[in-house]
Amino acid sequence: MLVTNGRFSRNAAPFARSQRIHLVDRHLLARWAAGPQPLWTLLDHVPPAR
């Protein structure tokens, strides 16, 4: 997981998917911080544990 209070480049999302990395940008970080929901419920897809 990579968390930033900024933004990711256009190329970051495809690369992160290929490496099984979740990107949390300023908008998702704000949603996570503002509400009672756990982060994993806000992510698109949580990969299974290996």
Protein backbone atom coordinates (compact mmCIF):
# COMPACT_ATOMS: atom_id res chain seq x y z
CA MET A 1 0.00 0.00 0.00
CA LEU A 2 1.21 3.46 -0.87
CA VAL A 3 -0.48 6.39 0.86
CA THR A 4 -0.03 10.04 -0.07
CA ASN A 5 -1.75 13.30 0.79
CA GLY A 6 -1.09 14.26 -2.81
CA ARG A 7 -1.91 12.74 -6.17
CA PHE A 8 -0.53 9.89 -8.23
CA SER A 9 0.64 10.16 -11.81
CA ARG A 10 -1.39 8.69 -14.63
CA ASN A 11 1.11 5.81 -14.88
CA ALA A 12 0.92 4.95 -11.19
CA ALA A 13 -2.38 3.02 -11.32
CA PRO A 14 -1.39 0.49 -14.01
CA PHE A 15 1.99 -0.07 -12.35
CA ALA A 16 0.42 -0.48 -8.91
CA ARG A 17 -2.05 -3.06 -10.26
CA SER A 18 0.78 -5.02 -11.87
CA GLN A 19 2.62 -5.08 -8.53
CA ARG A 20 -0.49 -5.72 -6.38
CA ILE A 21 -0.09 -2.37 -4.61
CA HIS A 22 -3.05 -0.34 -3.39
CA LEU A 23 -2.84 3.41 -3.97
CA VAL A 24 -4.48 5.69 -1.43
CA ASP A 25 -4.54 9.29 -2.63
CA ARG A 26 -5.70 12.45 -0.88
CA HIS A 27 -9.37 11.83 -1.71
CA LEU A 28 -9.47 8.25 -0.44
CA LEU A 29 -7.36 9.24 2.56
CA ALA A 30 -9.92 11.94 3.42
CA ARG A 31 -12.82 9.45 3.14
CA TRP A 32 -10.97 6.99 5.35
CA ALA A 33 -10.14 9.65 7.95
CA ALA A 34 -13.65 11.14 7.99
CA GLY A 35 -15.71 8.04 8.49
CA PRO A 36 -16.08 4.93 10.56
CA GLN A 37 -15.37 2.56 7.65
CA PRO A 38 -12.22 0.46 7.74
CA LEU A 39 -9.83 1.14 4.88
CA TRP A 40 -10.28 -2.29 3.28
CA THR A 41 -13.96 -1.52 2.66
CA LEU A 42 -12.96 1.56 0.66
CA LEU A 43 -10.43 -0.19 -1.55
CA ASP A 44 -11.48 -1.48 -4.96
CA HIS A 45 -10.21 -4.99 -4.40
CA VAL A 46 -8.29 -6.57 -1.57
CA PRO A 47 -6.14 -9.39 -2.89
CA PRO A 48 -6.23 -12.70 -1.03
CA ALA A 49 -3.45 -13.43 1.42
CA ARG A 50 -0.66 -15.63 0.13
